[in-house]
Protein backbone atom coordinates (compact mmCIF):
# COMPACT_ATOMS: atom_id res chain seq x y z
CA MET A 1 -94.71 -46.20 42.09
CA THR A 2 -92.51 -47.81 44.73
CA THR A 3 -88.86 -46.82 44.59
CA ASP A 4 -86.04 -49.24 45.23
CA PRO A 5 -84.42 -48.35 48.60
CA LYS A 6 -81.00 -49.23 47.16
CA VAL A 7 -81.44 -46.63 44.39
CA THR A 8 -82.55 -44.05 46.96
CA THR A 9 -79.49 -44.83 49.08
CA LEU A 10 -77.25 -44.53 46.01
CA LEU A 11 -78.60 -41.05 45.30
CA LYS A 12 -78.10 -40.09 48.96
CA ILE A 13 -74.47 -41.26 48.62
CA LEU A 14 -74.01 -39.14 45.50
CA ILE A 15 -75.45 -36.11 47.28
CA GLY A 16 -73.12 -36.80 50.23
CA VAL A 17 -70.13 -37.07 47.91
CA ALA A 18 -71.05 -33.73 46.34
CA TRP A 19 -70.97 -32.22 49.87
CA ILE A 20 -67.81 -34.05 50.97
CA ASP A 21 -65.55 -31.14 49.99
CA GLY A 22 -67.78 -28.66 51.83
CA GLN A 23 -69.89 -27.32 48.97
CA ILE A 24 -71.80 -28.54 45.94
CA GLN A 25 -70.37 -27.29 42.65
CA PRO A 26 -72.84 -26.15 39.93
CA GLU A 27 -71.84 -29.07 37.70
CA GLU A 28 -72.40 -31.53 40.56
CA ARG A 29 -75.81 -29.97 41.27
CA GLU A 30 -76.82 -30.38 37.63
CA TYR A 31 -75.56 -33.98 37.63
CA LEU A 32 -77.51 -34.85 40.80
CA HIS A 33 -80.76 -33.41 39.48
CA ARG A 34 -80.32 -35.26 36.18
CA ILE A 35 -79.73 -38.59 37.98
CA ALA A 36 -82.70 -37.98 40.30
CA GLU A 37 -84.92 -37.36 37.28
CA GLU A 38 -83.58 -40.41 35.40
CA LYS A 39 -84.25 -42.63 38.44
CA GLY A 40 -87.68 -41.09 39.08
CA LEU A 41 -86.58 -39.76 42.48
CA GLU A 42 -86.91 -36.02 41.94
CA ASN A 43 -90.03 -35.90 44.15
CA GLU A 44 -88.95 -38.45 46.76
CA PRO A 45 -89.74 -36.83 50.17
CA GLU A 46 -86.67 -38.35 51.85
CA LEU A 47 -84.39 -36.81 49.22
CA GLN A 48 -85.97 -33.36 48.90
CA PRO A 49 -84.02 -31.61 51.70
CA LEU A 50 -80.77 -33.15 50.45
CA LEU A 51 -81.33 -32.66 46.74
CA HIS A 52 -82.34 -29.02 47.18
CA GLU A 53 -79.49 -28.31 49.62
CA PHE A 54 -81.71 -27.37 52.55
CA ARG A 55 -79.13 -29.04 54.76
CA PRO A 56 -75.50 -30.02 54.19
CA VAL A 57 -74.35 -33.63 54.44
CA LYS A 58 -71.40 -34.44 56.69
CA ALA A 59 -68.73 -36.89 55.54
CA ALA A 60 -69.62 -39.33 58.34
CA GLU A 61 -73.23 -39.45 57.11
CA CYS A 62 -72.06 -40.13 53.56
CA TYR A 63 -69.79 -42.95 54.75
CA SER A 64 -72.71 -44.36 56.75
CA TRP A 65 -74.82 -44.49 53.57
CA VAL A 66 -71.93 -46.18 51.74
CA ASN A 67 -71.83 -48.86 54.46
CA GLU A 68 -75.61 -49.26 54.28
CA TYR A 69 -75.47 -49.58 50.49
CA LEU A 70 -72.63 -52.12 50.40
CA GLY A 71 -73.61 -54.18 53.42
CA GLU A 72 -71.28 -56.11 55.70
CA GLN A 73 -69.59 -58.16 52.98
CA PRO A 74 -69.47 -56.03 49.85
CA THR A 75 -68.99 -57.84 46.56
CA SER A 76 -66.46 -56.71 44.01
CA GLU A 77 -69.28 -55.94 41.59
CA ALA A 78 -71.09 -53.73 44.13
CA CYS A 79 -67.87 -51.86 44.91
CA GLN A 80 -67.12 -51.29 41.23
CA GLN A 81 -70.66 -50.08 40.51
CA LEU A 82 -70.48 -47.64 43.40
CA ILE A 83 -67.03 -46.43 42.33
CA GLU A 84 -68.33 -45.83 38.80
CA ALA A 85 -71.41 -43.96 40.06
CA ILE A 86 -69.32 -41.77 42.38
CA SER A 87 -66.67 -41.18 39.73
CA GLY A 88 -69.33 -39.83 37.36
CA LEU A 89 -70.29 -37.24 39.96
CA ILE A 90 -66.73 -36.41 41.02
CA TYR A 91 -65.50 -35.85 37.49
CA SER A 92 -68.60 -33.82 36.50
CA ASP A 93 -66.92 -30.62 37.72
CA GLY A 94 -63.52 -31.47 36.23
CA THR A 95 -61.64 -31.57 39.54
CA VAL A 96 -61.04 -34.12 42.27
CA ASP A 97 -60.84 -32.85 45.84
CA THR A 98 -58.63 -34.75 48.30
CA SER A 99 -61.68 -35.82 50.33
CA GLU A 100 -63.26 -37.19 47.14
CA ALA A 101 -60.06 -39.03 46.27
CA LYS A 102 -59.95 -40.48 49.79
CA LEU A 103 -63.49 -41.84 49.43
CA LEU A 104 -62.63 -43.47 46.10
CA THR A 105 -59.48 -44.92 47.62
CA ASP A 106 -61.43 -46.31 50.57
CA LEU A 107 -63.90 -47.96 48.18
CA GLN A 108 -61.10 -49.42 46.10
CA LEU A 109 -59.60 -50.93 49.24
CA LEU A 110 -62.91 -52.70 49.90
CA ASP A 111 -62.78 -54.33 46.47
CA THR A 112 -60.95 -57.60 47.08
CA SER A 113 -60.75 -58.55 43.39
CA HIS A 114 -58.14 -55.91 42.54
CA PRO A 115 -54.75 -55.54 44.20
CA PRO A 116 -55.00 -52.32 46.22
CA SER A 117 -51.51 -51.04 45.58
CA GLU A 118 -51.96 -50.09 41.91
CA SER A 119 -55.55 -48.82 42.11
CA VAL A 120 -54.84 -46.78 45.24
CA LYS A 121 -51.65 -45.37 43.75
CA ASN A 122 -53.43 -44.38 40.52
CA SER A 123 -56.32 -42.79 42.41
CA VAL A 124 -54.03 -40.77 44.64
CA LEU A 125 -51.83 -39.69 41.71
CA THR A 126 -54.87 -38.57 39.74
CA ALA A 127 -56.16 -36.56 42.69
CA ILE A 128 -52.78 -34.91 43.24
CA ARG A 129 -52.47 -34.11 39.53
CA ASN A 130 -55.92 -32.47 39.50
CA ILE A 131 -55.21 -30.45 42.63
CA TYR A 132 -51.92 -29.25 41.15
CA GLN A 133 -53.63 -28.29 37.86
CA ARG A 134 -56.29 -26.36 39.78
CA TRP A 135 -53.60 -24.55 41.78
CA VAL A 136 -51.65 -23.63 38.62
CA ALA A 137 -54.86 -22.41 36.97
CA THR A 138 -55.52 -20.05 39.90
CA LEU A 139 -52.00 -18.68 39.62
CA ASN A 140 -52.45 -17.95 35.91
CA ALA A 141 -55.85 -16.33 36.36
């Protein structure tokens, strides 16, 4: 079975996003393995070291995969699909790290069909709210 390189790149992006805050959370790990299985990529040699965390992924590498996936002139539809895929991973652990929020914001800025001011503002506010809630939870623990 031949795998679609775009699907492989999407999974690499998701793995990179899981690493973007410095570590993969258990919920993110479970999400990644489920997506790999659904897409038939669990045994893909290129993904094995990434999927099984044999090596971390740097933010620059993740952004490089995003650029590869979207191409030079990303369409609004491609941006929205990528935002949705990344959002599923990011929200799987119930928190949004600032580096994850920045990536979403960067993707929203690429989407020319939506005015950036509202989407960026909402993304940043959501990230700040989640960080604050996490901080308050640690104080109460």
